């Protein structure tokens, strides 16, 4: 199958390569972005566009897989219109559950502030509201037609209730539902921060993607891989392993602190079993690491499985 030209821009989050990707797809009227990264990486993104002979004004649309800051933090900037003193005015596409937080981001930012504290500005930069005139909401299986392209939005909860994966021909832009895969390796890590992690829904979402007969998968973290069927099978097995390990771990009724320690060790054990070296372990920690991954699984178990 002949694919449209797709470019990957590494926005070098925190000056680190291979952590956050923004995908650029040219079309008849300009170009669109799949996710746009956080506000803190805007300069790297616009520089990357210039290297492709594109200008911010060429970006007609931004398709968000979900509204977490590493994927959507810069969306408001891209939506600014001439009336705001800017000249891009891209349309922002999002799930209806995520839309209110783009229009009025105060609650989202307050939640993030509790997690990141003094590091909030350094990590994520500014998060501007998206004007209602620039916001387009989609529902499951909607076909989005832009400049001769047709992308399909698939509702894929598990990481977030409002998560979309976008299908273009036999390519899947998987956001976070397809997991994190770095440095062209074979290890795939599910990013599981609170508050919306649901391993059962996530497993079903992965199975739904497997039914699409995909050839290429492009997770935001990080890069395009031409082994989509294998990737999704591996992701499903990893989710099953996490569920089984957690069931065993929780029989001892660990405190959250104890669970954090053992879960981190478990994740590193999985990564090393897949051949990840020390460098890759650090990359996985940068892309999807820290205590938040354990906290999301711990919360899921207490809320949905402990009864």
C-alpha atoms as a PDB file:
ATOM      1  CA  UNK A   1       0.000   0.000   0.000  1.00  0.00           C
ATOM      2  CA  UNK A   2       1.332   3.440  -0.902  1.00  0.00           C
ATOM      3  CA  UNK A   3       1.429   5.603   2.203  1.00  0.00           C
ATOM      4  CA  UNK A   4       1.325   9.384   2.447  1.00  0.00           C
ATOM      5  CA  UNK A   5       4.573  11.014   3.462  1.00  0.00           C
ATOM      6  CA  UNK A   6       4.793  10.962   7.245  1.00  0.00           C
ATOM      7  CA  UNK A   7       7.550  12.776   9.113  1.00  0.00           C
ATOM      8  CA  UNK A   8       8.554  12.208  12.729  1.00  0.00           C
ATOM      9  CA  UNK A   9       9.737  15.220  14.711  1.00  0.00           C
ATOM     10  CA  UNK A  10      11.588  14.494  17.933  1.00  0.00           C
ATOM     11  CA  UNK A  11      10.786  17.427  20.221  1.00  0.00           C
ATOM     12  CA  UNK A  12      13.645  16.520  22.608  1.00  0.00           C
ATOM     13  CA  UNK A  13      11.653  16.809  25.805  1.00  0.00           C
ATOM     14  CA  UNK A  14      13.995  17.981  28.567  1.00  0.00           C
ATOM     15  CA  UNK A  15      16.752  17.910  25.930  1.00  0.00           C
ATOM     16  CA  UNK A  16      16.481  14.125  25.647  1.00  0.00           C
ATOM     17  CA  UNK A  17      16.107  12.323  22.334  1.00  0.00           C
ATOM     18  CA  UNK A  18      13.583   9.608  21.576  1.00  0.00           C
ATOM     19  CA  UNK A  19      11.018  10.474  24.262  1.00  0.00           C
ATOM     20  CA  UNK A  20       8.161  12.422  22.593  1.00  0.00           C
ATOM     21  CA  UNK A  21       7.322  12.302  18.883  1.00  0.00           C
ATOM     22  CA  UNK A  22       5.040  14.554  16.876  1.00  0.00           C
ATOM     23  CA  UNK A  23       3.932  13.097  13.551  1.00  0.00           C
ATOM     24  CA  UNK A  24       3.550  15.413  10.561  1.00  0.00           C
ATOM     25  CA  UNK A  25       1.420  14.407   7.571  1.00  0.00           C
ATOM     26  CA  UNK A  26       1.275  16.611   4.495  1.00  0.00           C
ATOM     27  CA  UNK A  27      -2.013  16.993   2.632  1.00  0.00           C
ATOM     28  CA  UNK A  28      -3.469  19.024  -0.207  1.00  0.00           C
ATOM     29  CA  UNK A  29      -4.031  22.119   1.942  1.00  0.00           C
ATOM     30  CA  UNK A  30      -0.940  22.044   4.155  1.00  0.00           C
ATOM     31  CA  UNK A  31      -0.045  19.590   6.902  1.00  0.00           C
ATOM     32  CA  UNK A  32      -1.525  18.122  10.068  1.00  0.00           C
ATOM     33  CA  UNK A  33      -0.011  17.006  13.356  1.00  0.00           C
ATOM     34  CA  UNK A  34      -0.752  13.883  15.361  1.00  0.00           C
ATOM     35  CA  UNK A  35      -0.325  15.162  18.931  1.00  0.00           C
ATOM     36  CA  UNK A  36       1.703  18.322  19.452  1.00  0.00           C
ATOM     37  CA  UNK A  37       3.783  17.757  22.567  1.00  0.00           C
ATOM     38  CA  UNK A  38       3.881  20.069  25.594  1.00  0.00           C
ATOM     39  CA  UNK A  39       4.287  23.818  25.605  1.00  0.00           C
ATOM     40  CA  UNK A  40       7.861  23.399  26.802  1.00  0.00           C
ATOM     41  CA  UNK A  41       8.869  21.840  23.460  1.00  0.00           C
ATOM     42  CA  UNK A  42       7.179  24.292  21.093  1.00  0.00           C
ATOM     43  CA  UNK A  43      10.438  25.788  19.891  1.00  0.00           C
ATOM     44  CA  UNK A  44      11.825  22.340  19.047  1.00  0.00           C
ATOM     45  CA  UNK A  45       8.638  21.483  17.162  1.00  0.00           C
ATOM     46  CA  UNK A  46       8.582  24.669  15.110  1.00  0.00           C
ATOM     47  CA  UNK A  47      12.286  24.245  14.383  1.00  0.00           C
ATOM     48  CA  UNK A  48      11.575  20.703  13.219  1.00  0.00           C
ATOM     49  CA  UNK A  49       8.851  21.987  10.925  1.00  0.00           C
ATOM     50  CA  UNK A  50      11.216  24.528   9.401  1.00  0.00           C
ATOM     51  CA  UNK A  51      13.648  21.711   8.656  1.00  0.00           C
ATOM     52  CA  UNK A  52      10.818  20.161   6.622  1.00  0.00           C
ATOM     53  CA  UNK A  53      10.220  23.459   4.804  1.00  0.00           C
ATOM     54  CA  UNK A  54       7.005  23.979   6.736  1.00  0.00           C
ATOM     55  CA  UNK A  55       5.823  26.974   8.723  1.00  0.00           C
ATOM     56  CA  UNK A  56       3.453  27.065  11.680  1.00  0.00           C
ATOM     57  CA  UNK A  57       0.898  28.610   9.321  1.00  0.00           C
ATOM     58  CA  UNK A  58       0.986  25.437   7.211  1.00  0.00           C
ATOM     59  CA  UNK A  59      -0.477  23.382  10.061  1.00  0.00           C
ATOM     60  CA  UNK A  60      -4.217  23.213   9.460  1.00  0.00           C
ATOM     61  CA  UNK A  61      -5.156  20.578  12.046  1.00  0.00           C
ATOM     62  CA  UNK A  62      -3.893  18.921  15.222  1.00  0.00           C
ATOM     63  CA  UNK A  63      -5.338  15.500  16.045  1.00  0.00           C
ATOM     64  CA  UNK A  64      -4.950  14.728  19.744  1.00  0.00           C
ATOM     65  CA  UNK A  65      -4.847  11.151  20.941  1.00  0.00           C
ATOM     66  CA  UNK A  66      -5.691  12.461  24.425  1.00  0.00           C
ATOM     67  CA  UNK A  67      -5.215  15.594  26.495  1.00  0.00           C
ATOM     68  CA  UNK A  68      -2.343  14.648  28.807  1.00  0.00           C
ATOM     69  CA  UNK A  69       0.288  17.364  28.888  1.00  0.00           C
ATOM     70  CA  UNK A  70       2.969  15.441  27.012  1.00  0.00           C
ATOM     71  CA  UNK A  71       0.571  14.960  24.085  1.00  0.00           C
ATOM     72  CA  UNK A  72      -1.625  18.060  24.060  1.00  0.00           C
ATOM     73  CA  UNK A  73       0.042  20.737  26.159  1.00  0.00           C
ATOM     74  CA  UNK A  74       0.752  23.001  23.173  1.00  0.00           C
ATOM     75  CA  UNK A  75      -2.682  22.603  21.547  1.00  0.00           C
ATOM     76  CA  UNK A  76      -3.900  26.033  22.629  1.00  0.00           C
ATOM     77  CA  UNK A  77      -0.932  27.712  20.961  1.00  0.00           C
ATOM     78  CA  UNK A  78      -1.662  25.974  17.659  1.00  0.00           C
ATOM     79  CA  UNK A  79      -5.300  27.042  17.882  1.00  0.00           C
ATOM     80  CA  UNK A  80      -4.562  30.754  18.248  1.00  0.00           C
ATOM     81  CA  UNK A  81      -6.136  32.789  15.447  1.00  0.00           C
ATOM     82  CA  UNK A  82      -5.485  36.150  13.798  1.00  0.00           C
ATOM     83  CA  UNK A  83      -7.689  37.822  16.380  1.00  0.00           C
ATOM     84  CA  UNK A  84      -5.225  36.628  19.041  1.00  0.00           C
ATOM     85  CA  UNK A  85      -2.326  38.248  17.229  1.00  0.00           C
ATOM     86  CA  UNK A  86      -1.189  34.970  15.708  1.00  0.00           C
ATOM     87  CA  UNK A  87      -1.725  33.563  12.243  1.00  0.00           C
ATOM     88  CA  UNK A  88      -1.915  29.788  12.483  1.00  0.00           C
ATOM     89  CA  UNK A  89      -5.380  29.015  13.878  1.00  0.00           C
ATOM     90  CA  UNK A  90      -5.250  25.235  13.495  1.00  0.00           C
ATOM     91  CA  UNK A  91      -8.318  23.134  14.179  1.00  0.00           C
ATOM     92  CA  UNK A  92      -7.899  20.925  17.261  1.00  0.00           C
ATOM     93  CA  UNK A  93      -9.525  17.467  17.116  1.00  0.00           C
ATOM     94  CA  UNK A  94     -10.306  15.655  20.354  1.00  0.00           C
ATOM     95  CA  UNK A  95     -12.604  13.196  22.140  1.00  0.00           C
ATOM     96  CA  UNK A  96     -15.717  14.831  23.690  1.00  0.00           C
ATOM     97  CA  UNK A  97     -14.632  13.855  27.203  1.00  0.00           C
ATOM     98  CA  UNK A  98     -11.345  15.698  26.751  1.00  0.00           C
ATOM     99  CA  UNK A  99     -12.818  18.764  25.050  1.00  0.00           C
ATOM    100  CA  UNK A 100     -14.018  20.624  28.192  1.00  0.00           C
ATOM    101  CA  UNK A 101     -10.497  20.501  29.646  1.00  0.00           C
ATOM    102  CA  UNK A 102      -9.080  22.171  26.547  1.00  0.00           C
ATOM    103  CA  UNK A 103     -11.696  24.914  26.690  1.00  0.00           C
ATOM    104  CA  UNK A 104     -11.198  25.461  30.433  1.00  0.00           C
ATOM    105  CA  UNK A 105      -7.942  23.816  31.532  1.00  0.00           C
ATOM    106  CA  UNK A 106      -7.969  24.979  35.161  1.00  0.00           C
ATOM    107  CA  UNK A 107      -8.982  21.604  36.628  1.00  0.00           C
ATOM    108  CA  UNK A 108      -6.515  19.698  34.449  1.00  0.00           C
ATOM    109  CA  UNK A 109      -3.683  22.036  35.384  1.00  0.00           C
ATOM    110  CA  UNK A 110      -4.529  21.931  39.087  1.00  0.00           C
ATOM    111  CA  UNK A 111      -4.384  18.136  38.980  1.00  0.00           C
ATOM    112  CA  UNK A 112      -1.044  18.227  37.167  1.00  0.00           C
ATOM    113  CA  UNK A 113       0.301  20.800  39.622  1.00  0.00           C
ATOM    114  CA  UNK A 114      -0.400  18.421  42.505  1.00  0.00           C
ATOM    115  CA  UNK A 115       1.663  15.750  40.760  1.00  0.00           C
ATOM    116  CA  UNK A 116       4.580  17.817  39.442  1.00  0.00           C
ATOM    117  CA  UNK A 117       4.757  20.651  41.958  1.00  0.00           C
ATOM    118  CA  UNK A 118       7.694  22.986  41.390  1.00  0.00           C
ATOM    119  CA  UNK A 119       8.693  21.037  38.255  1.00  0.00           C
ATOM    120  CA  UNK A 120       5.431  21.833  36.449  1.00  0.00           C
ATOM    121  CA  UNK A 121       6.665  24.811  34.424  1.00  0.00           C
ATOM    122  CA  UNK A 122      10.035  23.264  33.611  1.00  0.00           C
ATOM    123  CA  UNK A 123       8.499  20.027  32.372  1.00  0.00           C
ATOM    124  CA  UNK A 124       5.435  21.224  30.523  1.00  0.00           C
ATOM    125  CA  UNK A 125       5.543  24.968  29.890  1.00  0.00           C
ATOM    126  CA  UNK A 126       2.400  26.989  29.165  1.00  0.00           C
ATOM    127  CA  UNK A 127      -0.965  25.353  28.529  1.00  0.00           C
ATOM    128  CA  UNK A 128      -3.285  27.777  26.741  1.00  0.00           C
ATOM    129  CA  UNK A 129      -7.029  27.291  26.416  1.00  0.00           C
ATOM    130  CA  UNK A 130      -8.329  26.293  22.980  1.00  0.00           C
ATOM    131  CA  UNK A 131     -10.948  28.710  21.581  1.00  0.00           C
ATOM    132  CA  UNK A 132     -14.277  26.970  21.084  1.00  0.00           C
ATOM    133  CA  UNK A 133     -14.307  28.028  17.430  1.00  0.00           C
ATOM    134  CA  UNK A 134     -11.161  25.960  16.830  1.00  0.00           C
ATOM    135  CA  UNK A 135     -12.245  22.803  18.659  1.00  0.00           C
ATOM    136  CA  UNK A 136     -13.709  19.803  16.823  1.00  0.00           C
ATOM    137  CA  UNK A 137     -15.072  16.859  18.793  1.00  0.00           C
ATOM    138  CA  UNK A 138     -15.228  13.358  17.361  1.00  0.00           C
ATOM    139  CA  UNK A 139     -16.888  10.121  18.333  1.00  0.00           C
ATOM    140  CA  UNK A 140     -15.858   6.518  17.965  1.00  0.00           C
ATOM    141  CA  UNK A 141     -15.232   5.442  14.366  1.00  0.00           C
ATOM    142  CA  UNK A 142     -15.639   8.949  12.956  1.00  0.00           C
ATOM    143  CA  UNK A 143     -13.827   9.500   9.669  1.00  0.00           C
ATOM    144  CA  UNK A 144     -11.875  12.772   9.645  1.00  0.00           C
ATOM    145  CA  UNK A 145     -11.339  14.114   6.132  1.00  0.00           C
ATOM    146  CA  UNK A 146      -8.562  16.675   5.733  1.00  0.00           C
ATOM    147  CA  UNK A 147      -7.006  17.760   2.447  1.00  0.00           C
ATOM    148  CA  UNK A 148      -7.617  14.462   0.674  1.00  0.00           C
ATOM    149  CA  UNK A 149      -6.674  12.313   3.683  1.00  0.00           C
ATOM    150  CA  UNK A 150      -9.157  10.202   5.628  1.00  0.00           C
ATOM    151  CA  UNK A 151      -8.255   9.212   9.183  1.00  0.00           C
ATOM    152  CA  UNK A 152     -10.498   7.167  11.456  1.00  0.00           C
ATOM    153  CA  UNK A 153     -10.756   7.877  15.183  1.00  0.00           C
ATOM    154  CA  UNK A 154     -11.006   4.737  17.309  1.00  0.00           C
ATOM    155  CA  UNK A 155     -12.042   5.041  20.945  1.00  0.00           C
ATOM    156  CA  UNK A 156      -9.372   3.153  22.872  1.00  0.00           C
ATOM    157  CA  UNK A 157      -9.731   3.588  26.653  1.00  0.00           C
ATOM    158  CA  UNK A 158      -7.463   2.016  29.239  1.00  0.00           C
ATOM    159  CA  UNK A 159      -4.737   4.619  29.580  1.00  0.00           C
ATOM    160  CA  UNK A 160      -7.363   7.377  29.536  1.00  0.00           C
ATOM    161  CA  UNK A 161     -11.125   7.257  29.072  1.00  0.00           C
ATOM    162  CA  UNK A 162     -10.946   9.875  26.317  1.00  0.00           C
ATOM    163  CA  UNK A 163      -8.186   8.210  24.302  1.00  0.00           C
ATOM    164  CA  UNK A 164      -8.297   7.955  20.504  1.00  0.00           C
ATOM    165  CA  UNK A 165      -6.047   5.977  18.205  1.00  0.00           C
ATOM    166  CA  UNK A 166      -6.034   7.299  14.644  1.00  0.00           C
ATOM    167  CA  UNK A 167      -6.029   4.928  11.677  1.00  0.00           C
ATOM    168  CA  UNK A 168      -4.707   6.058   8.295  1.00  0.00           C
ATOM    169  CA  UNK A 169      -4.825   3.208   5.779  1.00  0.00           C
ATOM    170  CA  UNK A 170      -2.885   0.441   7.599  1.00  0.00           C
ATOM    171  CA  UNK A 171      -1.040   2.818   9.945  1.00  0.00           C
ATOM    172  CA  UNK A 172      -2.045   3.339  13.577  1.00  0.00           C
ATOM    173  CA  UNK A 173      -1.041   6.446  15.494  1.00  0.00           C
ATOM    174  CA  UNK A 174      -1.490   4.840  18.871  1.00  0.00           C
ATOM    175  CA  UNK A 175      -0.789   7.628  21.354  1.00  0.00           C
ATOM    176  CA  UNK A 176      -0.298   5.745  24.620  1.00  0.00           C
ATOM    177  CA  UNK A 177      -2.686   2.816  24.126  1.00  0.00           C
ATOM    178  CA  UNK A 178       0.012   0.929  22.203  1.00  0.00           C
ATOM    179  CA  UNK A 179       2.517   1.477  24.986  1.00  0.00           C
ATOM    180  CA  UNK A 180       6.002   2.986  25.062  1.00  0.00           C
ATOM    181  CA  UNK A 181       8.776   1.589  22.849  1.00  0.00           C
ATOM    182  CA  UNK A 182      12.131   3.318  22.607  1.00  0.00           C
ATOM    183  CA  UNK A 183      15.409   3.025  20.743  1.00  0.00           C
ATOM    184  CA  UNK A 184      13.994   0.594  18.153  1.00  0.00           C
ATOM    185  CA  UNK A 185      13.898  -2.086  20.854  1.00  0.00           C
ATOM    186  CA  UNK A 186      11.527  -4.981  21.482  1.00  0.00           C
ATOM    187  CA  UNK A 187      10.388  -4.017  24.962  1.00  0.00           C
ATOM    188  CA  UNK A 188       7.002  -2.308  25.265  1.00  0.00           C
ATOM    189  CA  UNK A 189       5.955  -0.628  28.515  1.00  0.00           C
ATOM    190  CA  UNK A 190       2.368   0.415  29.272  1.00  0.00           C
ATOM    191  CA  UNK A 191       2.333   3.950  30.733  1.00  0.00           C
ATOM    192  CA  UNK A 192       0.048   3.593  33.751  1.00  0.00           C
ATOM    193  CA  UNK A 193      -0.186   6.870  35.707  1.00  0.00           C
ATOM    194  CA  UNK A 194      -3.402   7.637  37.619  1.00  0.00           C
ATOM    195  CA  UNK A 195      -6.228   8.419  37.613  1.00  0.00           C
ATOM    196  CA  UNK A 196      -7.939   6.563  34.736  1.00  0.00           C
ATOM    197  CA  UNK A 197      -5.915   3.377  34.288  1.00  0.00           C
ATOM    198  CA  UNK A 198      -8.112   0.349  33.636  1.00  0.00           C
ATOM    199  CA  UNK A 199      -6.200  -2.742  32.571  1.00  0.00           C
ATOM    200  CA  UNK A 200      -9.326  -4.590  31.413  1.00  0.00           C
ATOM    201  CA  UNK A 201     -10.428  -1.786  29.100  1.00  0.00           C
ATOM    202  CA  UNK A 202      -6.859  -1.363  27.904  1.00  0.00           C
ATOM    203  CA  UNK A 203      -6.609  -5.041  27.003  1.00  0.00           C
ATOM    204  CA  UNK A 204      -9.874  -4.742  25.032  1.00  0.00           C
ATOM    205  CA  UNK A 205      -8.572  -1.646  23.227  1.00  0.00           C
ATOM    206  CA  UNK A 206      -5.417  -3.474  22.172  1.00  0.00           C
ATOM    207  CA  UNK A 207      -7.503  -6.376  20.930  1.00  0.00           C
ATOM    208  CA  UNK A 208      -9.625  -3.965  18.923  1.00  0.00           C
ATOM    209  CA  UNK A 209      -6.517  -2.579  17.249  1.00  0.00           C
ATOM    210  CA  UNK A 210      -5.338  -6.105  16.485  1.00  0.00           C
ATOM    211  CA  UNK A 211      -8.520  -6.634  14.479  1.00  0.00           C
ATOM    212  CA  UNK A 212      -7.587  -3.722  12.201  1.00  0.00           C
ATOM    213  CA  UNK A 213      -4.892  -5.726  10.352  1.00  0.00           C
ATOM    214  CA  UNK A 214      -2.354  -2.938  10.731  1.00  0.00           C
ATOM    215  CA  UNK A 215       1.111  -2.889   9.210  1.00  0.00           C
ATOM    216  CA  UNK A 216       2.662   0.132  10.933  1.00  0.00           C
ATOM    217  CA  UNK A 217       2.237   1.412  14.472  1.00  0.00           C
ATOM    218  CA  UNK A 218       3.407   4.843  15.594  1.00  0.00           C
ATOM    219  CA  UNK A 219       3.308   5.415  19.365  1.00  0.00           C
ATOM    220  CA  UNK A 220       3.943   8.952  20.582  1.00  0.00           C
ATOM    221  CA  UNK A 221       6.728   7.426  22.707  1.00  0.00           C
ATOM    222  CA  UNK A 222       8.454   6.777  20.294  1.00  0.00           C
ATOM    223  CA  UNK A 223       8.685   6.275  16.543  1.00  0.00           C
ATOM    224  CA  UNK A 224       7.188   4.283  13.676  1.00  0.00           C
ATOM    225  CA  UNK A 225       7.468   0.485  13.595  1.00  0.00           C
ATOM    226  CA  UNK A 226       6.621  -1.813  10.696  1.00  0.00           C
ATOM    227  CA  UNK A 227       5.649  -4.759  12.902  1.00  0.00           C
ATOM    228  CA  UNK A 228       2.242  -3.639  14.163  1.00  0.00           C
ATOM    229  CA  UNK A 229       0.830  -7.156  14.584  1.00  0.00           C
ATOM    230  CA  UNK A 230       3.803  -8.293  16.663  1.00  0.00           C
ATOM    231  CA  UNK A 231       3.843  -5.028  18.620  1.00  0.00           C
ATOM    232  CA  UNK A 232       0.182  -5.315  19.613  1.00  0.00           C
ATOM    233  CA  UNK A 233       0.522  -8.985  20.528  1.00  0.00           C
ATOM    234  CA  UNK A 234       3.486  -8.086  22.732  1.00  0.00           C
ATOM    235  CA  UNK A 235       1.511  -5.253  24.316  1.00  0.00           C
ATOM    236  CA  UNK A 236      -1.375  -7.614  25.082  1.00  0.00           C
ATOM    237  CA  UNK A 237       0.981 -10.126  26.707  1.00  0.00           C
ATOM    238  CA  UNK A 238       2.586  -7.371  28.773  1.00  0.00           C
ATOM    239  CA  UNK A 239      -0.785  -6.159  30.044  1.00  0.00           C
ATOM    240  CA  UNK A 240      -1.650  -9.749  30.980  1.00  0.00           C
ATOM    241  CA  UNK A 241       1.668 -10.074  32.811  1.00  0.00           C
ATOM    242  CA  UNK A 242       1.031  -6.866  34.757  1.00  0.00           C
ATOM    243  CA  UNK A 243      -2.459  -8.040  35.729  1.00  0.00           C
ATOM    244  CA  UNK A 244      -1.163 -11.430  36.886  1.00  0.00           C
ATOM    245  CA  UNK A 245       1.806  -9.964  38.776  1.00  0.00           C
ATOM    246  CA  UNK A 246      -0.410  -7.396  40.500  1.00  0.00           C
ATOM    247  CA  UNK A 247      -2.880 -10.077  41.575  1.00  0.00           C
ATOM    248  CA  UNK A 248      -0.050 -11.929  43.300  1.00  0.00           C
ATOM    249  CA  UNK A 249       1.527  -8.800  44.773  1.00  0.00           C
ATOM    250  CA  UNK A 250      -1.716  -7.503  46.248  1.00  0.00           C
ATOM    251  CA  UNK A 251      -2.380 -10.687  48.225  1.00  0.00           C
ATOM    252  CA  UNK A 252       0.238  -9.401  50.681  1.00  0.00           C
ATOM    253  CA  UNK A 253      -1.736  -6.137  51.118  1.00  0.00           C
ATOM    254  CA  UNK A 254       1.302  -3.916  50.464  1.00  0.00           C
ATOM    255  CA  UNK A 255       1.320  -0.250  51.326  1.00  0.00           C
ATOM    256  CA  UNK A 256       1.481   2.090  48.369  1.00  0.00           C
ATOM    257  CA  UNK A 257       5.151   2.762  49.115  1.00  0.00           C
ATOM    258  CA  UNK A 258       5.921  -0.969  49.186  1.00  0.00           C
ATOM    259  CA  UNK A 259       4.002  -1.496  45.961  1.00  0.00           C
ATOM    260  CA  UNK A 260       5.965   1.280  44.262  1.00  0.00           C
ATOM    261  CA  UNK A 261       9.266  -0.385  45.068  1.00  0.00           C
ATOM    262  CA  UNK A 262       8.239  -3.847  43.945  1.00  0.00           C
ATOM    263  CA  UNK A 263       6.447  -2.623  40.805  1.00  0.00           C
ATOM    264  CA  UNK A 264       9.487  -0.670  39.634  1.00  0.00           C
ATOM    265  CA  UNK A 265      11.632  -3.777  40.098  1.00  0.00           C
ATOM    266  CA  UNK A 266       9.072  -5.827  38.166  1.00  0.00           C
ATOM    267  CA  UNK A 267       9.046  -3.380  35.238  1.00  0.00           C
ATOM    268  CA  UNK A 268      12.838  -3.385  35.060  1.00  0.00           C
ATOM    269  CA  UNK A 269      12.822  -7.183  35.147  1.00  0.00           C
ATOM    270  CA  UNK A 270      10.447  -7.246  32.155  1.00  0.00           C
ATOM    271  CA  UNK A 271      12.620  -4.763  30.273  1.00  0.00           C
ATOM    272  CA  UNK A 272      15.841  -6.661  30.900  1.00  0.00           C
ATOM    273  CA  UNK A 273      14.170  -9.904  29.813  1.00  0.00           C
ATOM    274  CA  UNK A 274      13.459  -8.174  26.488  1.00  0.00           C
ATOM    275  CA  UNK A 275      17.095  -7.210  26.109  1.00  0.00           C
ATOM    276  CA  UNK A 276      16.906  -3.609  27.329  1.00  0.00           C
ATOM    277  CA  UNK A 277      20.295  -2.321  28.439  1.00  0.00           C
ATOM    278  CA  UNK A 278      20.926   0.249  31.159  1.00  0.00           C
ATOM    279  CA  UNK A 279      20.637   3.096  28.633  1.00  0.00           C
ATOM    280  CA  UNK A 280      17.209   1.874  27.525  1.00  0.00           C
ATOM    281  CA  UNK A 281      16.031   1.543  31.127  1.00  0.00           C
ATOM    282  CA  UNK A 282      16.787   5.234  31.587  1.00  0.00           C
ATOM    283  CA  UNK A 283      14.904   6.082  28.385  1.00  0.00           C
ATOM    284  CA  UNK A 284      11.873   4.122  29.543  1.00  0.00           C
ATOM    285  CA  UNK A 285      11.997   5.950  32.849  1.00  0.00           C
ATOM    286  CA  UNK A 286      12.075   9.276  30.993  1.00  0.00           C
ATOM    287  CA  UNK A 287       9.166   8.332  28.722  1.00  0.00           C
ATOM    288  CA  UNK A 288       7.089   6.349  31.212  1.00  0.00           C
ATOM    289  CA  UNK A 289       8.678   5.918  34.577  1.00  0.00           C
ATOM    290  CA  UNK A 290       8.617   6.961  38.173  1.00  0.00           C
ATOM    291  CA  UNK A 291       6.256   6.125  40.979  1.00  0.00           C
ATOM    292  CA  UNK A 292       3.239   7.294  38.971  1.00  0.00           C
ATOM    293  CA  UNK A 293       3.185   4.033  36.997  1.00  0.00           C
ATOM    294  CA  UNK A 294       2.846   2.026  40.189  1.00  0.00           C
ATOM    295  CA  UNK A 295       0.297   4.464  41.594  1.00  0.00           C
ATOM    296  CA  UNK A 296      -1.976   4.025  38.577  1.00  0.00           C
ATOM    297  CA  UNK A 297      -1.954   0.235  38.826  1.00  0.00           C
ATOM    298  CA  UNK A 298      -2.362   0.349  42.609  1.00  0.00           C
ATOM    299  CA  UNK A 299      -5.363   2.672  42.267  1.00  0.00           C
ATOM    300  CA  UNK A 300      -6.883   0.480  39.550  1.00  0.00           C
ATOM    301  CA  UNK A 301      -6.626  -2.571  41.767  1.00  0.00           C
ATOM    302  CA  UNK A 302      -8.072  -0.873  44.828  1.00  0.00           C
ATOM    303  CA  UNK A 303     -10.951   0.627  42.853  1.00  0.00           C
ATOM    304  CA  UNK A 304     -11.911  -2.211  40.517  1.00  0.00           C
ATOM    305  CA  UNK A 305     -10.382  -5.476  41.690  1.00  0.00           C
ATOM    306  CA  UNK A 306     -10.067  -5.394  45.479  1.00  0.00           C
ATOM    307  CA  UNK A 307     -13.751  -6.046  46.154  1.00  0.00           C
END
